[in-house]
C-alpha atoms as a PDB file:
ATOM      1  CA  ALA A   1       0.000   0.000   0.000  1.00  0.00           C
ATOM      2  CA  MET A   2       2.841   2.376   0.875  1.00  0.00           C
ATOM      3  CA  GLY A   3       4.688   1.488  -2.336  1.00  0.00           C
ATOM      4  CA  PHE A   4       1.674   2.071  -4.589  1.00  0.00           C
ATOM      5  CA  SER A   5       0.856   5.330  -2.788  1.00  0.00           C
ATOM      6  CA  LEU A   6       4.387   6.624  -3.453  1.00  0.00           C
ATOM      7  CA  LEU A   7       4.209   5.404  -7.060  1.00  0.00           C
ATOM      8  CA  ILE A   8       1.002   7.371  -7.696  1.00  0.00           C
ATOM      9  CA  LEU A   9       2.394  10.447  -5.909  1.00  0.00           C
ATOM     10  CA  PHE A  10       5.668  10.561  -7.850  1.00  0.00           C
ATOM     11  CA  ALA A  11       3.908   9.807 -11.142  1.00  0.00           C
ATOM     12  CA  GLN A  12       2.173  13.209 -10.815  1.00  0.00           C
ATOM     13  CA  ILE A  13       5.479  15.135 -10.747  1.00  0.00           C
ATOM     14  CA  ARG A  14       6.531  16.406 -14.177  1.00  0.00           C
ATOM     15  CA  ILE A  15      10.128  15.596 -15.044  1.00  0.00           C
ATOM     16  CA  GLN A  16      10.802  19.299 -15.712  1.00  0.00           C
ATOM     17  CA  LYS A  17      10.198  19.920 -12.003  1.00  0.00           C
ATOM     18  CA  ILE A  18      12.800  17.308 -11.030  1.00  0.00           C
ATOM     19  CA  THR A  19      15.617  18.386 -13.374  1.00  0.00           C
ATOM     20  CA  PRO A  20      16.819  21.505 -11.451  1.00  0.00           C
ATOM     21  CA  TRP A  21      17.094  19.451  -8.241  1.00  0.00           C
ATOM     22  CA  VAL A  22      19.287  16.711  -9.716  1.00  0.00           C
ATOM     23  CA  PRO A  23      22.731  18.191  -8.822  1.00  0.00           C
ATOM     24  CA  TRP A  24      21.553  18.891  -5.272  1.00  0.00           C
ATOM     25  CA  ILE A  25      20.211  15.347  -4.870  1.00  0.00           C
ATOM     26  CA  TYR A  26      23.545  13.963  -6.096  1.00  0.00           C
ATOM     27  CA  LEU A  27      25.559  16.278  -3.822  1.00  0.00           C
ATOM     28  CA  ALA A  28      23.382  15.376  -0.815  1.00  0.00           C
ATOM     29  CA  GLY A  29      23.968  11.691  -1.545  1.00  0.00           C
ATOM     30  CA  VAL A  30      27.747  12.124  -1.665  1.00  0.00           C
ATOM     31  CA  ILE A  31      27.684  14.098   1.625  1.00  0.00           C
ATOM     32  CA  LEU A  32      25.618  11.345   3.267  1.00  0.00           C
ATOM     33  CA  LEU A  33      28.090   8.707   2.021  1.00  0.00           C
ATOM     34  CA  LEU A  34      30.929  10.711   3.606  1.00  0.00           C
ATOM     35  CA  ALA A  35      28.877  10.982   6.827  1.00  0.00           C
ATOM     36  CA  VAL A  36      28.698   7.174   6.965  1.00  0.00           C
ATOM     37  CA  PHE A  37      32.466   7.029   7.575  1.00  0.00           C
ATOM     38  CA  PHE A  38      32.181   9.298  10.633  1.00  0.00           C
ATOM     39  CA  VAL A  39      28.806   8.510  12.245  1.00  0.00           C
ATOM     40  CA  GLY A  40      27.623   5.412  10.387  1.00  0.00           C
ATOM     41  CA  GLU A  41      26.514   2.257  12.201  1.00  0.00           C
ATOM     42  CA  ILE A  42      28.452  -0.979  11.770  1.00  0.00           C
ATOM     43  CA  SER A  43      26.326  -3.999  10.830  1.00  0.00           C
ATOM     44  CA  ASN A  44      27.679  -7.424   9.756  1.00  0.00           C
ATOM     45  CA  GLY A  45      31.198  -6.037   9.580  1.00  0.00           C
ATOM     46  CA  SER A  46      30.362  -3.110   7.290  1.00  0.00           C
ATOM     47  CA  ARG A  47      29.717   0.561   8.037  1.00  0.00           C
ATOM     48  CA  ARG A  48      26.783   1.297   5.718  1.00  0.00           C
ATOM     49  CA  TRP A  49      23.920   2.666   7.804  1.00  0.00           C
ATOM     50  CA  LEU A  50      22.920   6.100   9.076  1.00  0.00           C
ATOM     51  CA  ASP A  51      20.610   6.189  12.091  1.00  0.00           C
ATOM     52  CA  LEU A  52      18.279   9.210  12.053  1.00  0.00           C
ATOM     53  CA  GLY A  53      16.521   8.205  15.271  1.00  0.00           C
ATOM     54  CA  ILE A  54      13.168   7.532  13.604  1.00  0.00           C
ATOM     55  CA  PHE A  55      14.626   5.089  11.062  1.00  0.00           C
ATOM     56  CA  ARG A  56      17.889   3.757   9.620  1.00  0.00           C
ATOM     57  CA  PHE A  57      18.826   3.858   5.964  1.00  0.00           C
ATOM     58  CA  GLN A  58      21.735   3.242   3.594  1.00  0.00           C
ATOM     59  CA  PRO A  59      22.767   6.336   1.573  1.00  0.00           C
ATOM     60  CA  SER A  60      24.146   3.928  -1.046  1.00  0.00           C
ATOM     61  CA  GLU A  61      20.553   3.002  -1.957  1.00  0.00           C
ATOM     62  CA  MET A  62      19.826   6.663  -2.695  1.00  0.00           C
ATOM     63  CA  MET A  63      22.783   6.750  -5.109  1.00  0.00           C
ATOM     64  CA  LYS A  64      21.223   4.019  -7.262  1.00  0.00           C
ATOM     65  CA  LEU A  65      18.843   6.789  -8.377  1.00  0.00           C
ATOM     66  CA  ALA A  66      21.024   9.875  -7.911  1.00  0.00           C
ATOM     67  CA  VAL A  67      23.902   8.659 -10.111  1.00  0.00           C
ATOM     68  CA  PRO A  68      21.876   7.900 -13.281  1.00  0.00           C
ATOM     69  CA  MET A  69      19.947  11.145 -12.712  1.00  0.00           C
ATOM     70  CA  MET A  70      23.150  13.175 -12.488  1.00  0.00           C
ATOM     71  CA  VAL A  71      24.879  11.476 -15.444  1.00  0.00           C
ATOM     72  CA  SER A  72      21.715  11.857 -17.562  1.00  0.00           C
ATOM     73  CA  LYS A  73      21.511  15.580 -16.795  1.00  0.00           C
ATOM     74  CA  TYR A  74      25.245  16.078 -17.389  1.00  0.00           C
ATOM     75  CA  LEU A  75      25.144  14.401 -20.829  1.00  0.00           C
ATOM     76  CA  ALA A  76      21.747  15.801 -21.898  1.00  0.00           C
ATOM     77  CA  ASP A  77      22.990  19.398 -21.498  1.00  0.00           C
ATOM     78  CA  GLN A  78      25.207  18.968 -24.599  1.00  0.00           C
ATOM     79  CA  PRO A  79      24.640  17.419 -28.061  1.00  0.00           C
ATOM     80  CA  LEU A  80      24.793  13.615 -28.226  1.00  0.00           C
ATOM     81  CA  PRO A  81      26.727  11.384 -28.677  1.00  0.00           C
ATOM     82  CA  PRO A  82      29.100  12.718 -26.014  1.00  0.00           C
ATOM     83  CA  SER A  83      32.691  13.657 -26.724  1.00  0.00           C
ATOM     84  CA  PHE A  84      35.584  11.820 -25.059  1.00  0.00           C
ATOM     85  CA  GLY A  85      35.953  14.658 -22.540  1.00  0.00           C
ATOM     86  CA  ARG A  86      32.260  14.425 -21.572  1.00  0.00           C
ATOM     87  CA  VAL A  87      32.588  10.651 -21.161  1.00  0.00           C
ATOM     88  CA  ILE A  88      35.505  11.160 -18.741  1.00  0.00           C
ATOM     89  CA  GLY A  89      33.451  13.732 -16.814  1.00  0.00           C
ATOM     90  CA  ALA A  90      30.526  11.296 -16.584  1.00  0.00           C
ATOM     91  CA  LEU A  91      32.825   8.515 -15.344  1.00  0.00           C
ATOM     92  CA  ILE A  92      34.122  10.809 -12.582  1.00  0.00           C
ATOM     93  CA  ILE A  93      30.500  11.472 -11.531  1.00  0.00           C
ATOM     94  CA  VAL A  94      29.959   7.698 -11.354  1.00  0.00           C
ATOM     95  CA  LEU A  95      33.225   6.735  -9.662  1.00  0.00           C
ATOM     96  CA  ILE A  96      33.087   9.196  -6.734  1.00  0.00           C
ATOM     97  CA  PRO A  97      30.059   7.561  -5.036  1.00  0.00           C
ATOM     98  CA  ALA A  98      30.983   4.077  -6.300  1.00  0.00           C
ATOM     99  CA  LEU A  99      34.410   4.203  -4.618  1.00  0.00           C
ATOM    100  CA  LEU A 100      32.896   5.577  -1.401  1.00  0.00           C
ATOM    101  CA  VAL A 101      30.395   2.703  -1.310  1.00  0.00           C
ATOM    102  CA  ALA A 102      33.096   0.122  -2.141  1.00  0.00           C
ATOM    103  CA  GLU A 103      35.117   1.425   0.826  1.00  0.00           C
ATOM    104  CA  GLU A 104      32.254   0.729   3.318  1.00  0.00           C
ATOM    105  CA  PRO A 105      32.790  -2.118   2.123  1.00  0.00           C
ATOM    106  CA  ASP A 106      29.820  -2.917  -0.136  1.00  0.00           C
ATOM    107  CA  LEU A 107      31.232  -4.116  -3.437  1.00  0.00           C
ATOM    108  CA  GLY A 108      27.901  -5.375  -4.815  1.00  0.00           C
ATOM    109  CA  THR A 109      26.114  -2.039  -4.452  1.00  0.00           C
ATOM    110  CA  ALA A 110      29.186  -0.179  -5.762  1.00  0.00           C
ATOM    111  CA  LEU A 111      29.073  -2.294  -8.939  1.00  0.00           C
ATOM    112  CA  LEU A 112      25.330  -1.683  -9.352  1.00  0.00           C
ATOM    113  CA  ILE A 113      25.823   2.091  -8.965  1.00  0.00           C
ATOM    114  CA  THR A 114      28.630   1.959 -11.553  1.00  0.00           C
ATOM    115  CA  LEU A 115      26.424  -0.003 -13.953  1.00  0.00           C
ATOM    116  CA  SER A 116      23.573   2.516 -13.642  1.00  0.00           C
ATOM    117  CA  GLY A 117      25.946   5.254 -14.810  1.00  0.00           C
ATOM    118  CA  ILE A 118      27.483   3.108 -17.577  1.00  0.00           C
ATOM    119  CA  PHE A 119      23.988   2.405 -18.930  1.00  0.00           C
ATOM    120  CA  VAL A 120      23.441   6.155 -19.409  1.00  0.00           C
ATOM    121  CA  LEU A 121      26.711   6.441 -21.348  1.00  0.00           C
ATOM    122  CA  TRP A 122      25.729   3.512 -23.553  1.00  0.00           C
ATOM    123  CA  LEU A 123      22.233   4.896 -24.226  1.00  0.00           C
ATOM    124  CA  ALA A 124      23.743   8.300 -25.021  1.00  0.00           C
ATOM    125  CA  GLY A 125      25.455   6.733 -28.044  1.00  0.00           C
ATOM    126  CA  THR A 126      29.005   6.711 -26.725  1.00  0.00           C
ATOM    127  CA  SER A 127      31.412   5.456 -29.397  1.00  0.00           C
ATOM    128  CA  TRP A 128      32.044   1.691 -29.288  1.00  0.00           C
ATOM    129  CA  THR A 129      35.748   2.462 -29.620  1.00  0.00           C
ATOM    130  CA  ILE A 130      35.628   4.295 -26.276  1.00  0.00           C
ATOM    131  CA  ILE A 131      33.447   1.609 -24.645  1.00  0.00           C
ATOM    132  CA  LEU A 132      35.683  -1.272 -25.802  1.00  0.00           C
ATOM    133  CA  GLY A 133      38.751   0.703 -24.735  1.00  0.00           C
ATOM    134  CA  PHE A 134      37.429   1.021 -21.182  1.00  0.00           C
ATOM    135  CA  ILE A 135      36.348  -2.653 -21.155  1.00  0.00           C
ATOM    136  CA  GLY A 136      39.899  -3.624 -22.154  1.00  0.00           C
ATOM    137  CA  LEU A 137      41.333  -1.350 -19.470  1.00  0.00           C
ATOM    138  CA  GLY A 138      38.987  -2.892 -16.893  1.00  0.00           C
ATOM    139  CA  GLY A 139      39.948  -6.417 -17.963  1.00  0.00           C
ATOM    140  CA  ALA A 140      43.661  -5.615 -17.692  1.00  0.00           C
ATOM    141  CA  SER A 141      43.174  -4.253 -14.161  1.00  0.00           C
ATOM    142  CA  LEU A 142      41.285  -7.336 -12.870  1.00  0.00           C
ATOM    143  CA  PRO A 143      44.391  -8.946 -11.258  1.00  0.00           C
ATOM    144  CA  ILE A 144      45.015  -5.708  -9.302  1.00  0.00           C
ATOM    145  CA  ILE A 145      41.342  -5.415  -8.314  1.00  0.00           C
ATOM    146  CA  TRP A 146      41.346  -9.084  -7.195  1.00  0.00           C
ATOM    147  CA  LYS A 147      44.248  -8.403  -4.819  1.00  0.00           C
ATOM    148  CA  LEU A 148      42.504  -5.328  -3.407  1.00  0.00           C
ATOM    149  CA  LEU A 149      39.338  -7.289  -2.560  1.00  0.00           C
ATOM    150  CA  HIS A 150      38.710  -8.453   1.022  1.00  0.00           C
ATOM    151  CA  LYS A 151      39.051 -12.189   1.568  1.00  0.00           C
ATOM    152  CA  TYR A 152      35.291 -12.621   2.131  1.00  0.00           C
ATOM    153  CA  GLN A 153      34.612 -10.842  -1.192  1.00  0.00           C
ATOM    154  CA  ARG A 154      36.952 -13.199  -3.058  1.00  0.00           C
ATOM    155  CA  ASP A 155      35.292 -16.147  -1.308  1.00  0.00           C
ATOM    156  CA  ARG A 156      31.852 -14.941  -2.432  1.00  0.00           C
ATOM    157  CA  ILE A 157      32.921 -14.756  -6.070  1.00  0.00           C
ATOM    158  CA  LEU A 158      34.543 -18.213  -5.970  1.00  0.00           C
ATOM    159  CA  THR A 159      31.497 -19.638  -4.168  1.00  0.00           C
ATOM    160  CA  LEU A 160      29.133 -18.193  -6.785  1.00  0.00           C
ATOM    161  CA  LEU A 161      31.125 -20.032  -9.467  1.00  0.00           C
ATOM    162  CA  ASP A 162      31.289 -23.265  -7.437  1.00  0.00           C
ATOM    163  CA  PRO A 163      29.102 -23.492  -4.274  1.00  0.00           C
ATOM    164  CA  GLU A 164      30.210 -27.090  -3.672  1.00  0.00           C
ATOM    165  CA  ARG A 165      33.803 -25.983  -2.941  1.00  0.00           C
ATOM    166  CA  ASP A 166      32.736 -25.100   0.622  1.00  0.00           C
ATOM    167  CA  PRO A 167      29.302 -26.681   1.234  1.00  0.00           C
ATOM    168  CA  LEU A 168      29.305 -26.129   4.998  1.00  0.00           C
ATOM    169  CA  GLY A 169      30.862 -22.654   4.831  1.00  0.00           C
ATOM    170  CA  ALA A 170      30.572 -19.973   2.160  1.00  0.00           C
ATOM    171  CA  GLY A 171      28.554 -22.220  -0.182  1.00  0.00           C
ATOM    172  CA  TYR A 172      26.012 -23.306   2.442  1.00  0.00           C
ATOM    173  CA  HIS A 173      23.422 -20.600   1.788  1.00  0.00           C
ATOM    174  CA  ILE A 174      23.307 -21.017  -1.997  1.00  0.00           C
ATOM    175  CA  ILE A 175      22.973 -24.809  -1.608  1.00  0.00           C
ATOM    176  CA  GLN A 176      20.100 -24.369   0.888  1.00  0.00           C
ATOM    177  CA  SER A 177      18.503 -21.839  -1.460  1.00  0.00           C
ATOM    178  CA  LYS A 178      18.556 -24.300  -4.372  1.00  0.00           C
ATOM    179  CA  ILE A 179      17.068 -26.993  -2.104  1.00  0.00           C
ATOM    180  CA  ALA A 180      14.242 -24.575  -1.206  1.00  0.00           C
ATOM    181  CA  ILE A 181      13.502 -23.736  -4.856  1.00  0.00           C
ATOM    182  CA  GLY A 182      13.591 -27.388  -5.914  1.00  0.00           C
ATOM    183  CA  SER A 183      11.416 -28.575  -3.038  1.00  0.00           C
ATOM    184  CA  GLY A 184       8.647 -26.191  -4.120  1.00  0.00           C
ATOM    185  CA  GLY A 185       7.950 -28.432  -7.121  1.00  0.00           C
ATOM    186  CA  ILE A 186       5.270 -27.382  -9.608  1.00  0.00           C
ATOM    187  CA  HIS A 187       2.607 -26.044  -7.217  1.00  0.00           C
ATOM    188  CA  GLY A 188       4.623 -25.146  -4.100  1.00  0.00           C
ATOM    189  CA  LYS A 189       4.078 -26.005  -0.449  1.00  0.00           C
ATOM    190  CA  GLY A 190       1.591 -23.214   0.183  1.00  0.00           C
ATOM    191  CA  TRP A 191       1.688 -19.802   1.833  1.00  0.00           C
ATOM    192  CA  LEU A 192       3.924 -19.826   4.952  1.00  0.00           C
ATOM    193  CA  ASN A 193       4.474 -23.594   4.642  1.00  0.00           C
ATOM    194  CA  GLY A 194       8.054 -23.490   3.387  1.00  0.00           C
ATOM    195  CA  THR A 195      10.362 -25.574   5.581  1.00  0.00           C
ATOM    196  CA  GLN A 196      13.696 -24.154   4.403  1.00  0.00           C
ATOM    197  CA  SER A 197      12.698 -20.612   5.317  1.00  0.00           C
ATOM    198  CA  HIS A 198      10.657 -21.161   8.452  1.00  0.00           C
ATOM    199  CA  LEU A 199      13.125 -23.635   9.953  1.00  0.00           C
ATOM    200  CA  GLU A 200      15.799 -20.969   9.315  1.00  0.00           C
ATOM    201  CA  PHE A 201      17.991 -22.866   6.875  1.00  0.00           C
ATOM    202  CA  LEU A 202      17.901 -19.726   4.725  1.00  0.00           C
ATOM    203  CA  PRO A 203      19.412 -16.420   5.917  1.00  0.00           C
ATOM    204  CA  GLU A 204      17.942 -13.000   5.015  1.00  0.00           C
ATOM    205  CA  ARG A 205      14.723 -14.716   3.946  1.00  0.00           C
ATOM    206  CA  SER A 206      12.765 -11.445   3.709  1.00  0.00           C
ATOM    207  CA  THR A 207      15.432  -9.716   1.579  1.00  0.00           C
ATOM    208  CA  ASP A 208      18.329 -11.407  -0.271  1.00  0.00           C
ATOM    209  CA  PHE A 209      16.722 -14.876  -0.479  1.00  0.00           C
ATOM    210  CA  ILE A 210      13.096 -13.799  -0.932  1.00  0.00           C
ATOM    211  CA  PHE A 211      12.861 -15.481  -4.360  1.00  0.00           C
ATOM    212  CA  ALA A 212      13.903 -18.836  -2.871  1.00  0.00           C
ATOM    213  CA  VAL A 213      11.240 -18.480  -0.146  1.00  0.00           C
ATOM    214  CA  TYR A 214       8.622 -17.493  -2.730  1.00  0.00           C
ATOM    215  CA  SER A 215       9.531 -20.404  -5.036  1.00  0.00           C
ATOM    216  CA  GLU A 216       9.327 -22.933  -2.204  1.00  0.00           C
ATOM    217  CA  GLU A 217       5.858 -21.737  -1.191  1.00  0.00           C
ATOM    218  CA  PHE A 218       4.362 -21.104  -4.670  1.00  0.00           C
ATOM    219  CA  GLY A 219       6.350 -23.496  -6.851  1.00  0.00           C
ATOM    220  CA  LEU A 220       7.235 -23.251 -10.535  1.00  0.00           C
ATOM    221  CA  ILE A 221       3.817 -21.835 -11.456  1.00  0.00           C
ATOM    222  CA  GLY A 222       4.133 -19.024  -8.904  1.00  0.00           C
ATOM    223  CA  ALA A 223       7.688 -18.261 -10.036  1.00  0.00           C
ATOM    224  CA  LEU A 224       6.586 -18.039 -13.686  1.00  0.00           C
ATOM    225  CA  ILE A 225       3.734 -15.679 -12.729  1.00  0.00           C
ATOM    226  CA  LEU A 226       6.190 -13.464 -10.835  1.00  0.00           C
ATOM    227  CA  LEU A 227       8.613 -13.435 -13.779  1.00  0.00           C
ATOM    228  CA  SER A 228       5.717 -12.553 -16.097  1.00  0.00           C
ATOM    229  CA  ILE A 229       4.914  -9.533 -13.914  1.00  0.00           C
ATOM    230  CA  TYR A 230       8.561  -8.466 -14.059  1.00  0.00           C
ATOM    231  CA  ILE A 231       8.522  -8.825 -17.870  1.00  0.00           C
ATOM    232  CA  PHE A 232       5.388  -6.635 -18.009  1.00  0.00           C
ATOM    233  CA  ILE A 233       7.077  -3.935 -15.888  1.00  0.00           C
ATOM    234  CA  LEU A 234      10.233  -4.065 -18.038  1.00  0.00           C
ATOM    235  CA  SER A 235       8.140  -3.873 -21.223  1.00  0.00           C
ATOM    236  CA  ARG A 236       6.167  -0.941 -19.876  1.00  0.00           C
ATOM    237  CA  GLY A 237       9.415   0.790 -18.908  1.00  0.00           C
ATOM    238  CA  THR A 238      10.824   0.226 -22.399  1.00  0.00           C
ATOM    239  CA  PHE A 239       7.667   1.756 -23.903  1.00  0.00           C
ATOM    240  CA  ILE A 240       8.103   4.825 -21.656  1.00  0.00           C
ATOM    241  CA  VAL A 241      11.708   5.163 -22.876  1.00  0.00           C
ATOM    242  CA  ALA A 242      10.536   5.054 -26.510  1.00  0.00           C
ATOM    243  CA  GLN A 243       7.896   7.735 -25.842  1.00  0.00           C
ATOM    244  CA  ALA A 244      10.073   9.986 -23.653  1.00  0.00           C
ATOM    245  CA  GLN A 245      10.396  13.642 -24.676  1.00  0.00           C
ATOM    246  CA  GLY A 246      13.927  15.029 -24.463  1.00  0.00           C
ATOM    247  CA  ASN A 247      17.342  13.479 -23.903  1.00  0.00           C
ATOM    248  CA  PHE A 248      17.294  13.719 -20.095  1.00  0.00           C
ATOM    249  CA  ALA A 249      14.009  11.822 -19.765  1.00  0.00           C
ATOM    250  CA  ARG A 250      15.062   9.195 -22.308  1.00  0.00           C
ATOM    251  CA  LEU A 251      18.489   8.568 -20.782  1.00  0.00           C
ATOM    252  CA  LEU A 252      17.174   8.443 -17.223  1.00  0.00           C
ATOM    253  CA  ALA A 253      14.221   6.156 -17.989  1.00  0.00           C
ATOM    254  CA  GLY A 254      16.431   3.831 -20.039  1.00  0.00           C
ATOM    255  CA  SER A 255      19.071   3.617 -17.334  1.00  0.00           C
ATOM    256  CA  LEU A 256      16.524   2.923 -14.586  1.00  0.00           C
ATOM    257  CA  ILE A 257      14.752   0.159 -16.495  1.00  0.00           C
ATOM    258  CA  LEU A 258      18.079  -1.488 -17.409  1.00  0.00           C
ATOM    259  CA  SER A 259      19.177  -1.240 -13.764  1.00  0.00           C
ATOM    260  CA  PHE A 260      15.877  -2.796 -12.656  1.00  0.00           C
ATOM    261  CA  PHE A 261      16.488  -5.685 -15.085  1.00  0.00           C
ATOM    262  CA  VAL A 262      20.009  -6.188 -13.689  1.00  0.00           C
ATOM    263  CA  TYR A 263      18.697  -6.291 -10.078  1.00  0.00           C
ATOM    264  CA  ILE A 264      16.160  -8.967 -11.042  1.00  0.00           C
ATOM    265  CA  PHE A 265      18.688 -10.966 -13.070  1.00  0.00           C
ATOM    266  CA  ILE A 266      21.465 -10.863 -10.458  1.00  0.00           C
ATOM    267  CA  ASN A 267      19.253 -11.651  -7.449  1.00  0.00           C
ATOM    268  CA  ILE A 268      17.421 -14.554  -9.075  1.00  0.00           C
ATOM    269  CA  GLY A 269      20.678 -15.764 -10.631  1.00  0.00           C
ATOM    270  CA  MET A 270      22.396 -15.676  -7.231  1.00  0.00           C
ATOM    271  CA  VAL A 271      19.716 -17.565  -5.282  1.00  0.00           C
ATOM    272  CA  THR A 272      19.358 -20.217  -8.024  1.00  0.00           C
ATOM    273  CA  GLY A 273      23.132 -20.727  -8.224  1.00  0.00           C
END
């Protein structure tokens, strides 16, 4: 109910009203990320949260919207496709919050923030020569990045590729998740009747592993219905992109719908191994 209420409220705001606020939203997000390092709360070994008394929140979540908004505005102010200098400027806009989030440490969210900005550059018609050049540069730097990662981050990547390498340690949760999804069968076990989730074999069952919980309770049919709803939302978003008036609206809408697709793909891909 709260989500739909906010959706209807924000749908009434014309994009022209939002545009002047974009730099301030981005700047506020960066300031809040810096505040995390000084007054942020530590949870599960990471300093990611700000406690405002009434509620806690992660400024990094705000940047998933602020970064594509800022990059879209920055590129839309000049003719497209962007020049090499504008591409470098856009990458700086992306990397400042991404590096701050990675330092918390929260590598996953940092990568998602980076992707949201890269999507804008791609949609803006950036030359493939520039894109492939940066991909090559990124590939060449992978050994350095690998050494800079925390041990638990390296373990997560290796576990994603092969959960069986540590079935009682880092791979335990993915294995339990796949058991939950498989045990749902065609029709599922029924609402609140999932054993893997309610006997606490699955961690973070209301967030990270929600798809595994859902699949166990509603089965293959329920999972296909959920995926169909996601496809409808993605299709509707793509239609909005095609109909958007002006470069800022088109770049922002395209980036957000691509980011939404990536969140769906990565989460479901992770919990299904």
